[in-house]
Amino acid sequence: MGIRYLKKSATLQGLVSAEDAEILLEWLKSRPGSAVNVTRCQQMHAAVLQVLLALRPRIIGQPADPWLQAVLAAPRSN
């Protein structure tokens, strides 16, 4: 399904592919303070995860995968 973009948030839905990563990156960079909802995300490509870890947008909800929950909830290391 991919990503649904709204004014101030993006919702990851179903299977989010590598092709979605660059678009998500540019969208987040152009909208500082935006959030990403991961509640409906079943699986995301590692490239999408890297975008989220690099930019650290506000995450809404929790994905079903416990490992992904832990990675997204981990505090930033400086």
N, C-alpha and C. Protein backbone atom coordinates (compact mmCIF):
# COMPACT_ATOMS: atom_id res chain seq x y z
N MET A 1 0.81 -1.19 0.00
CA MET A 1 0.00 0.00 0.00
C MET A 1 0.85 1.25 0.00
N GLY A 2 1.90 1.30 0.82
CA GLY A 2 2.80 2.43 0.76
C GLY A 2 2.57 3.48 1.82
N ILE A 3 2.60 4.73 1.38
CA ILE A 3 2.52 5.85 2.30
C ILE A 3 1.42 6.80 1.86
N ARG A 4 0.63 7.24 2.82
CA ARG A 4 -0.41 8.24 2.58
C ARG A 4 0.07 9.54 3.21
N TYR A 5 0.17 10.59 2.40
CA TYR A 5 0.68 11.87 2.87
C TYR A 5 -0.47 12.84 3.14
N LEU A 6 -0.43 13.46 4.31
CA LEU A 6 -1.36 14.51 4.68
C LEU A 6 -0.57 15.79 4.90
N LYS A 7 -1.19 16.84 5.39
CA LYS A 7 -0.47 18.11 5.58
C LYS A 7 0.66 18.00 6.59
N LYS A 8 0.37 17.38 7.75
CA LYS A 8 1.37 17.37 8.83
C LYS A 8 1.77 15.98 9.27
N SER A 9 1.34 14.96 8.54
CA SER A 9 1.74 13.60 8.89
C SER A 9 1.72 12.70 7.67
N ALA A 10 2.48 11.65 7.78
CA ALA A 10 2.50 10.60 6.75
C ALA A 10 2.13 9.30 7.45
N THR A 11 1.29 8.51 6.80
CA THR A 11 0.87 7.24 7.37
C THR A 11 1.43 6.10 6.56
N LEU A 12 2.24 5.26 7.21
CA LEU A 12 2.79 4.08 6.55
C LEU A 12 1.75 2.98 6.65
N GLN A 13 1.39 2.40 5.49
CA GLN A 13 0.31 1.42 5.43
C GLN A 13 0.78 0.16 4.73
N GLY A 14 0.47 -0.98 5.33
CA GLY A 14 0.78 -2.26 4.69
C GLY A 14 2.27 -2.46 4.51
N LEU A 15 2.66 -2.77 3.28
CA LEU A 15 4.06 -3.01 2.94
C LEU A 15 4.65 -1.73 2.35
N VAL A 16 5.66 -1.18 3.00
CA VAL A 16 6.29 0.06 2.54
C VAL A 16 7.62 -0.31 1.90
N SER A 17 7.75 -0.02 0.61
CA SER A 17 8.89 -0.50 -0.18
C SER A 17 10.06 0.49 -0.20
N ALA A 18 11.15 0.03 -0.76
CA ALA A 18 12.35 0.86 -0.90
C ALA A 18 12.07 2.09 -1.77
N GLU A 19 11.18 1.94 -2.74
CA GLU A 19 10.85 3.06 -3.62
C GLU A 19 10.21 4.22 -2.85
N ASP A 20 9.60 3.93 -1.71
CA ASP A 20 8.96 4.96 -0.89
C ASP A 20 9.97 5.77 -0.08
N ALA A 21 11.16 5.26 0.12
CA ALA A 21 12.13 5.89 1.02
C ALA A 21 12.54 7.29 0.58
N GLU A 22 12.88 7.46 -0.68
CA GLU A 22 13.36 8.77 -1.14
C GLU A 22 12.24 9.82 -1.09
N ILE A 23 11.04 9.42 -1.44
CA ILE A 23 9.91 10.35 -1.39
C ILE A 23 9.64 10.75 0.05
N LEU A 24 9.67 9.78 0.96
CA LEU A 24 9.46 10.06 2.38
C LEU A 24 10.56 11.00 2.90
N LEU A 25 11.78 10.75 2.52
CA LEU A 25 12.90 11.59 2.93
C LEU A 25 12.67 13.05 2.52
N GLU A 26 12.35 13.27 1.26
CA GLU A 26 12.13 14.63 0.77
C GLU A 26 10.91 15.27 1.43
N TRP A 27 9.85 14.49 1.63
CA TRP A 27 8.65 15.01 2.28
C TRP A 27 8.96 15.46 3.70
N LEU A 28 9.68 14.64 4.46
CA LEU A 28 10.01 14.99 5.84
C LEU A 28 10.95 16.19 5.91
N LYS A 29 11.90 16.27 5.00
CA LYS A 29 12.83 17.40 4.98
C LYS A 29 12.11 18.70 4.67
N SER A 30 11.07 18.64 3.86
CA SER A 30 10.36 19.86 3.47
C SER A 30 9.30 20.26 4.49
N ARG A 31 9.06 19.40 5.48
CA ARG A 31 8.03 19.66 6.50
C ARG A 31 8.57 19.38 7.90
N PRO A 32 9.45 20.23 8.40
CA PRO A 32 9.98 20.02 9.75
C PRO A 32 8.84 19.95 10.77
N GLY A 33 8.98 19.07 11.72
CA GLY A 33 7.98 18.92 12.76
C GLY A 33 6.84 17.98 12.40
N SER A 34 6.87 17.43 11.20
CA SER A 34 5.82 16.48 10.80
C SER A 34 5.99 15.15 11.52
N ALA A 35 4.92 14.39 11.52
CA ALA A 35 4.90 13.10 12.20
C ALA A 35 4.71 11.97 11.19
N VAL A 36 5.06 10.77 11.64
CA VAL A 36 4.86 9.56 10.83
C VAL A 36 4.07 8.57 11.67
N ASN A 37 2.93 8.15 11.14
CA ASN A 37 2.09 7.17 11.81
C ASN A 37 2.46 5.79 11.30
N VAL A 38 2.86 4.90 12.21
CA VAL A 38 3.30 3.56 11.83
C VAL A 38 2.33 2.46 12.28
N THR A 39 1.16 2.87 12.79
CA THR A 39 0.20 1.92 13.33
C THR A 39 -0.23 0.87 12.31
N ARG A 40 -0.44 1.28 11.07
CA ARG A 40 -0.95 0.38 10.04
C ARG A 40 0.16 -0.24 9.18
N CYS A 41 1.40 -0.02 9.58
CA CYS A 41 2.54 -0.56 8.83
C CYS A 41 2.76 -2.03 9.20
N GLN A 42 2.71 -2.89 8.20
CA GLN A 42 2.95 -4.31 8.43
C GLN A 42 4.42 -4.65 8.24
N GLN A 43 5.04 -3.99 7.28
CA GLN A 43 6.46 -4.25 6.99
C GLN A 43 7.03 -3.05 6.27
N MET A 44 8.26 -2.66 6.63
CA MET A 44 8.91 -1.57 5.92
C MET A 44 10.30 -2.00 5.47
N HIS A 45 10.68 -1.53 4.31
CA HIS A 45 12.01 -1.81 3.78
C HIS A 45 13.04 -1.11 4.67
N ALA A 46 14.23 -1.66 4.74
CA ALA A 46 15.30 -1.08 5.56
C ALA A 46 15.62 0.36 5.17
N ALA A 47 15.46 0.71 3.91
CA ALA A 47 15.72 2.08 3.47
C ALA A 47 14.74 3.06 4.12
N VAL A 48 13.50 2.66 4.29
CA VAL A 48 12.50 3.51 4.96
C VAL A 48 12.85 3.64 6.44
N LEU A 49 13.24 2.55 7.05
CA LEU A 49 13.66 2.58 8.45
C LEU A 49 14.86 3.52 8.63
N GLN A 50 15.79 3.49 7.70
CA GLN A 50 16.96 4.37 7.78
C GLN A 50 16.55 5.84 7.71
N VAL A 51 15.57 6.17 6.88
CA VAL A 51 15.07 7.54 6.81
C VAL A 51 14.50 7.94 8.16
N LEU A 52 13.70 7.07 8.76
CA LEU A 52 13.10 7.39 10.05
C LEU A 52 14.16 7.54 11.14
N LEU A 53 15.16 6.69 11.12
CA LEU A 53 16.21 6.77 12.15
C LEU A 53 17.12 7.98 11.94
N ALA A 54 17.32 8.38 10.69
CA ALA A 54 18.19 9.52 10.41
C ALA A 54 17.50 10.85 10.76
N LEU A 55 16.23 10.99 10.39
CA LEU A 55 15.54 12.26 10.59
C LEU A 55 14.77 12.34 11.90
N ARG A 56 14.46 11.19 12.48
CA ARG A 56 13.77 11.09 13.77
C ARG A 56 12.52 11.96 13.85
N PRO A 57 11.57 11.78 12.92
CA PRO A 57 10.31 12.51 13.06
C PRO A 57 9.54 11.97 14.26
N ARG A 58 8.54 12.70 14.69
CA ARG A 58 7.67 12.22 15.77
C ARG A 58 6.91 11.01 15.23
N ILE A 59 6.97 9.91 15.97
CA ILE A 59 6.32 8.67 15.56
C ILE A 59 4.99 8.56 16.30
N ILE A 60 3.94 8.28 15.52
CA ILE A 60 2.61 8.08 16.09
C ILE A 60 2.30 6.59 16.04
N GLY A 61 1.83 6.05 17.14
CA GLY A 61 1.44 4.64 17.19
C GLY A 61 2.63 3.71 17.27
N GLN A 62 2.32 2.43 17.14
CA GLN A 62 3.35 1.40 17.18
C GLN A 62 3.06 0.38 16.08
N PRO A 63 4.11 -0.07 15.40
CA PRO A 63 3.90 -1.15 14.44
C PRO A 63 3.67 -2.47 15.16
N ALA A 64 3.13 -3.44 14.47
CA ALA A 64 2.85 -4.74 15.08
C ALA A 64 4.13 -5.50 15.45
N ASP A 65 5.18 -5.30 14.70
CA ASP A 65 6.44 -6.03 14.90
C ASP A 65 7.16 -5.52 16.16
N PRO A 66 7.38 -6.38 17.16
CA PRO A 66 8.03 -5.95 18.41
C PRO A 66 9.45 -5.41 18.20
N TRP A 67 10.20 -5.99 17.27
CA TRP A 67 11.56 -5.51 17.02
C TRP A 67 11.51 -4.09 16.46
N LEU A 68 10.64 -3.86 15.53
CA LEU A 68 10.50 -2.54 14.93
C LEU A 68 10.02 -1.52 15.97
N GLN A 69 9.14 -1.93 16.86
CA GLN A 69 8.70 -1.06 17.96
C GLN A 69 9.90 -0.60 18.78
N ALA A 70 10.75 -1.56 19.12
CA ALA A 70 11.92 -1.25 19.96
C ALA A 70 12.89 -0.32 19.23
N VAL A 71 13.12 -0.57 17.97
CA VAL A 71 14.06 0.26 17.20
C VAL A 71 13.55 1.69 17.09
N LEU A 72 12.28 1.86 16.80
CA LEU A 72 11.72 3.19 16.64
C LEU A 72 11.61 3.93 17.97
N ALA A 73 11.49 3.21 19.06
CA ALA A 73 11.37 3.83 20.38
C ALA A 73 12.72 4.11 21.03
N ALA A 74 13.79 3.56 20.48
CA ALA A 74 15.11 3.73 21.07
C ALA A 74 15.51 5.21 21.08
N PRO A 75 16.11 5.66 22.18
CA PRO A 75 16.52 7.07 22.25
C PRO A 75 17.66 7.34 21.26
N ARG A 76 17.76 8.58 20.87
CA ARG A 76 18.86 8.99 19.97
C ARG A 76 20.17 8.88 20.70
N SER A 77 21.19 8.52 19.97
CA SER A 77 22.55 8.57 20.54
C SER A 77 23.28 9.74 19.88
N ASN A 78 23.89 10.56 20.69
CA ASN A 78 24.59 11.74 20.15
C ASN A 78 26.07 11.52 20.08
